[in-house]
Amino acid sequence: MMDGKIKQDSNIPIGKNIRNVRIAKGIGQTELVRRMQLLGVDMTRETLVKIERGIQHIYATQLRAIRDLLETSYDELLKEE
């Protein structure tokens, strides 16, 4: 199954939103990536860093896993700046 990439734009900083929620929950990048890998979602720490900086697209499956692991909503992750 092919996953669609989600492109960030200047109005909706997905990566920044992910970072803010992750930090608020007290979860480090390495820990979040480890949990994603346990779910079978392909992600490296380097990839997460690039996503949070807004320089790499995120796959829909990655976004869903992050939403679930951070116990947040798509609304929170996709909120406008």
N, C-alpha and C. Protein backbone atom coordinates (compact mmCIF):
# COMPACT_ATOMS: atom_id res chain seq x y z
N MET A 1 0.84 -1.18 0.00
CA MET A 1 0.00 0.00 0.00
C MET A 1 0.89 1.24 0.00
N MET A 2 0.58 2.17 -0.86
CA MET A 2 1.36 3.40 -0.93
C MET A 2 0.77 4.43 0.04
N ASP A 3 1.65 5.08 0.74
CA ASP A 3 1.23 6.14 1.65
C ASP A 3 1.46 7.48 0.99
N GLY A 4 0.52 8.39 1.20
CA GLY A 4 0.68 9.73 0.65
C GLY A 4 1.52 10.60 1.56
N LYS A 5 2.34 11.43 0.93
CA LYS A 5 3.13 12.39 1.69
C LYS A 5 2.27 13.61 1.96
N ILE A 6 2.45 14.18 3.13
CA ILE A 6 1.75 15.40 3.50
C ILE A 6 2.78 16.51 3.50
N LYS A 7 2.53 17.53 2.72
CA LYS A 7 3.47 18.64 2.60
C LYS A 7 3.09 19.76 3.57
N GLN A 8 4.07 20.22 4.31
CA GLN A 8 3.84 21.34 5.21
C GLN A 8 3.82 22.63 4.41
N ASP A 9 3.12 23.62 4.92
CA ASP A 9 3.19 24.94 4.30
C ASP A 9 3.37 25.99 5.38
N SER A 10 3.50 27.23 4.96
CA SER A 10 3.82 28.28 5.92
C SER A 10 2.68 28.55 6.91
N ASN A 11 1.45 28.24 6.53
CA ASN A 11 0.30 28.49 7.41
C ASN A 11 0.08 27.37 8.42
N ILE A 12 0.47 26.15 8.07
CA ILE A 12 0.26 25.00 8.95
C ILE A 12 1.61 24.30 9.15
N PRO A 13 2.34 24.69 10.19
CA PRO A 13 3.65 24.11 10.46
C PRO A 13 3.54 22.78 11.22
N ILE A 14 3.27 21.71 10.49
CA ILE A 14 3.05 20.41 11.11
C ILE A 14 4.22 20.02 12.01
N GLY A 15 5.43 20.17 11.49
CA GLY A 15 6.61 19.78 12.26
C GLY A 15 6.75 20.54 13.57
N LYS A 16 6.52 21.83 13.50
CA LYS A 16 6.59 22.66 14.72
C LYS A 16 5.51 22.24 15.71
N ASN A 17 4.33 21.94 15.20
CA ASN A 17 3.24 21.49 16.07
C ASN A 17 3.58 20.15 16.73
N ILE A 18 4.16 19.24 15.95
CA ILE A 18 4.58 17.94 16.50
C ILE A 18 5.59 18.18 17.62
N ARG A 19 6.57 19.01 17.35
CA ARG A 19 7.62 19.29 18.34
C ARG A 19 7.03 19.87 19.62
N ASN A 20 6.12 20.83 19.47
CA ASN A 20 5.52 21.47 20.65
C ASN A 20 4.74 20.47 21.50
N VAL A 21 3.96 19.62 20.85
CA VAL A 21 3.18 18.62 21.60
C VAL A 21 4.12 17.61 22.24
N ARG A 22 5.12 17.16 21.50
CA ARG A 22 6.07 16.16 22.02
C ARG A 22 6.77 16.69 23.25
N ILE A 23 7.25 17.93 23.20
CA ILE A 23 7.95 18.52 24.34
C ILE A 23 6.99 18.70 25.52
N ALA A 24 5.77 19.15 25.23
CA ALA A 24 4.77 19.33 26.30
C ALA A 24 4.47 18.01 27.01
N LYS A 25 4.56 16.90 26.28
CA LYS A 25 4.30 15.58 26.86
C LYS A 25 5.55 14.99 27.52
N GLY A 26 6.69 15.68 27.38
CA GLY A 26 7.93 15.20 28.00
C GLY A 26 8.53 14.00 27.31
N ILE A 27 8.33 13.88 25.99
CA ILE A 27 8.84 12.74 25.24
C ILE A 27 9.97 13.21 24.32
N GLY A 28 11.11 12.58 24.42
CA GLY A 28 12.25 12.93 23.58
C GLY A 28 12.09 12.38 22.17
N GLN A 29 12.88 12.91 21.25
CA GLN A 29 12.81 12.45 19.87
C GLN A 29 13.15 10.97 19.76
N THR A 30 14.20 10.54 20.41
CA THR A 30 14.62 9.14 20.34
C THR A 30 13.53 8.22 20.87
N GLU A 31 12.89 8.60 21.96
CA GLU A 31 11.82 7.79 22.54
C GLU A 31 10.62 7.71 21.60
N LEU A 32 10.24 8.81 20.99
CA LEU A 32 9.10 8.81 20.07
C LEU A 32 9.40 7.91 18.87
N VAL A 33 10.59 8.01 18.33
CA VAL A 33 10.98 7.17 17.19
C VAL A 33 10.99 5.71 17.60
N ARG A 34 11.50 5.40 18.78
CA ARG A 34 11.52 4.01 19.25
C ARG A 34 10.11 3.45 19.34
N ARG A 35 9.18 4.22 19.88
CA ARG A 35 7.79 3.78 19.99
C ARG A 35 7.16 3.59 18.62
N MET A 36 7.50 4.46 17.67
CA MET A 36 6.96 4.32 16.32
C MET A 36 7.47 3.04 15.67
N GLN A 37 8.75 2.76 15.86
CA GLN A 37 9.32 1.54 15.28
C GLN A 37 8.68 0.30 15.88
N LEU A 38 8.34 0.34 17.17
CA LEU A 38 7.65 -0.79 17.80
C LEU A 38 6.27 -1.01 17.18
N LEU A 39 5.67 0.06 16.66
CA LEU A 39 4.38 -0.05 15.98
C LEU A 39 4.54 -0.48 14.52
N GLY A 40 5.79 -0.60 14.06
CA GLY A 40 6.04 -0.98 12.68
C GLY A 40 6.02 0.19 11.71
N VAL A 41 6.13 1.42 12.24
CA VAL A 41 6.13 2.61 11.41
C VAL A 41 7.59 3.02 11.18
N ASP A 42 7.98 3.08 9.91
CA ASP A 42 9.36 3.39 9.56
C ASP A 42 9.68 4.86 9.83
N MET A 43 10.66 5.08 10.71
CA MET A 43 11.08 6.46 11.04
C MET A 43 12.43 6.36 11.74
N THR A 44 13.30 7.31 11.43
CA THR A 44 14.57 7.43 12.15
C THR A 44 14.54 8.76 12.89
N ARG A 45 15.45 8.91 13.82
CA ARG A 45 15.53 10.17 14.56
C ARG A 45 15.86 11.31 13.60
N GLU A 46 16.76 11.04 12.65
CA GLU A 46 17.13 12.06 11.67
C GLU A 46 15.92 12.52 10.86
N THR A 47 15.06 11.58 10.52
CA THR A 47 13.84 11.91 9.79
C THR A 47 12.93 12.79 10.64
N LEU A 48 12.77 12.44 11.91
CA LEU A 48 11.93 13.23 12.80
C LEU A 48 12.48 14.64 12.95
N VAL A 49 13.79 14.77 13.07
CA VAL A 49 14.41 16.10 13.17
C VAL A 49 14.06 16.93 11.94
N LYS A 50 14.17 16.34 10.76
CA LYS A 50 13.87 17.06 9.51
C LYS A 50 12.39 17.43 9.42
N ILE A 51 11.52 16.53 9.86
CA ILE A 51 10.08 16.81 9.85
C ILE A 51 9.79 17.97 10.80
N GLU A 52 10.35 17.93 12.01
CA GLU A 52 10.09 18.99 12.99
C GLU A 52 10.64 20.33 12.52
N ARG A 53 11.69 20.32 11.72
CA ARG A 53 12.25 21.56 11.18
C ARG A 53 11.50 22.04 9.94
N GLY A 54 10.61 21.20 9.43
CA GLY A 54 9.82 21.58 8.26
C GLY A 54 10.55 21.42 6.94
N ILE A 55 11.60 20.60 6.91
CA ILE A 55 12.36 20.43 5.68
C ILE A 55 12.13 19.06 5.03
N GLN A 56 11.27 18.26 5.62
CA GLN A 56 10.94 16.96 5.02
C GLN A 56 9.44 16.72 5.16
N HIS A 57 8.87 16.11 4.12
CA HIS A 57 7.46 15.75 4.16
C HIS A 57 7.26 14.63 5.17
N ILE A 58 6.03 14.50 5.64
CA ILE A 58 5.68 13.42 6.55
C ILE A 58 4.66 12.53 5.86
N TYR A 59 4.78 11.24 6.04
CA TYR A 59 3.81 10.30 5.48
C TYR A 59 2.58 10.26 6.39
N ALA A 60 1.46 9.97 5.77
CA ALA A 60 0.20 9.90 6.52
C ALA A 60 0.29 8.87 7.64
N THR A 61 0.93 7.72 7.40
CA THR A 61 1.06 6.70 8.45
C THR A 61 1.92 7.19 9.60
N GLN A 62 2.94 8.00 9.29
CA GLN A 62 3.79 8.56 10.34
C GLN A 62 2.99 9.57 11.17
N LEU A 63 2.22 10.41 10.50
CA LEU A 63 1.42 11.40 11.21
C LEU A 63 0.39 10.73 12.12
N ARG A 64 -0.24 9.67 11.62
CA ARG A 64 -1.23 8.94 12.43
C ARG A 64 -0.56 8.33 13.66
N ALA A 65 0.61 7.72 13.48
CA ALA A 65 1.32 7.11 14.61
C ALA A 65 1.73 8.16 15.63
N ILE A 66 2.21 9.30 15.16
CA ILE A 66 2.60 10.38 16.07
C ILE A 66 1.38 10.87 16.84
N ARG A 67 0.26 11.04 16.14
CA ARG A 67 -0.98 11.46 16.80
C ARG A 67 -1.36 10.48 17.92
N ASP A 68 -1.31 9.20 17.60
CA ASP A 68 -1.68 8.18 18.58
C ASP A 68 -0.71 8.12 19.75
N LEU A 69 0.60 8.15 19.46
CA LEU A 69 1.60 8.03 20.52
C LEU A 69 1.65 9.27 21.41
N LEU A 70 1.39 10.42 20.84
CA LEU A 70 1.38 11.65 21.65
C LEU A 70 0.02 11.90 22.27
N GLU A 71 -0.94 11.01 21.99
CA GLU A 71 -2.30 11.12 22.52
C GLU A 71 -2.86 12.52 22.30
N THR A 72 -2.81 12.94 21.04
CA THR A 72 -3.31 14.25 20.66
C THR A 72 -4.28 14.09 19.50
N SER A 73 -4.64 15.19 18.87
CA SER A 73 -5.59 15.14 17.76
C SER A 73 -4.96 15.68 16.49
N TYR A 74 -5.58 15.34 15.35
CA TYR A 74 -5.13 15.93 14.09
C TYR A 74 -5.28 17.44 14.14
N ASP A 75 -6.36 17.92 14.79
CA ASP A 75 -6.57 19.37 14.90
C ASP A 75 -5.37 20.04 15.54
N GLU A 76 -4.82 19.42 16.58
CA GLU A 76 -3.67 20.00 17.28
C GLU A 76 -2.43 19.97 16.38
N LEU A 77 -2.25 18.88 15.65
CA LEU A 77 -1.07 18.75 14.81
C LEU A 77 -1.15 19.58 13.54
N LEU A 78 -2.37 19.89 13.11
CA LEU A 78 -2.56 20.63 11.87
C LEU A 78 -3.04 22.07 12.08
N LYS A 79 -2.92 22.55 13.31
CA LYS A 79 -3.40 23.91 13.57
C LYS A 79 -2.52 24.95 12.89
N GLU A 80 -3.18 26.03 12.52
CA GLU A 80 -2.48 27.11 11.85
C GLU A 80 -1.66 27.92 12.84
N GLU A 81 -0.62 28.53 12.28
CA GLU A 81 0.25 29.34 13.13
C GLU A 81 -0.35 30.69 13.38
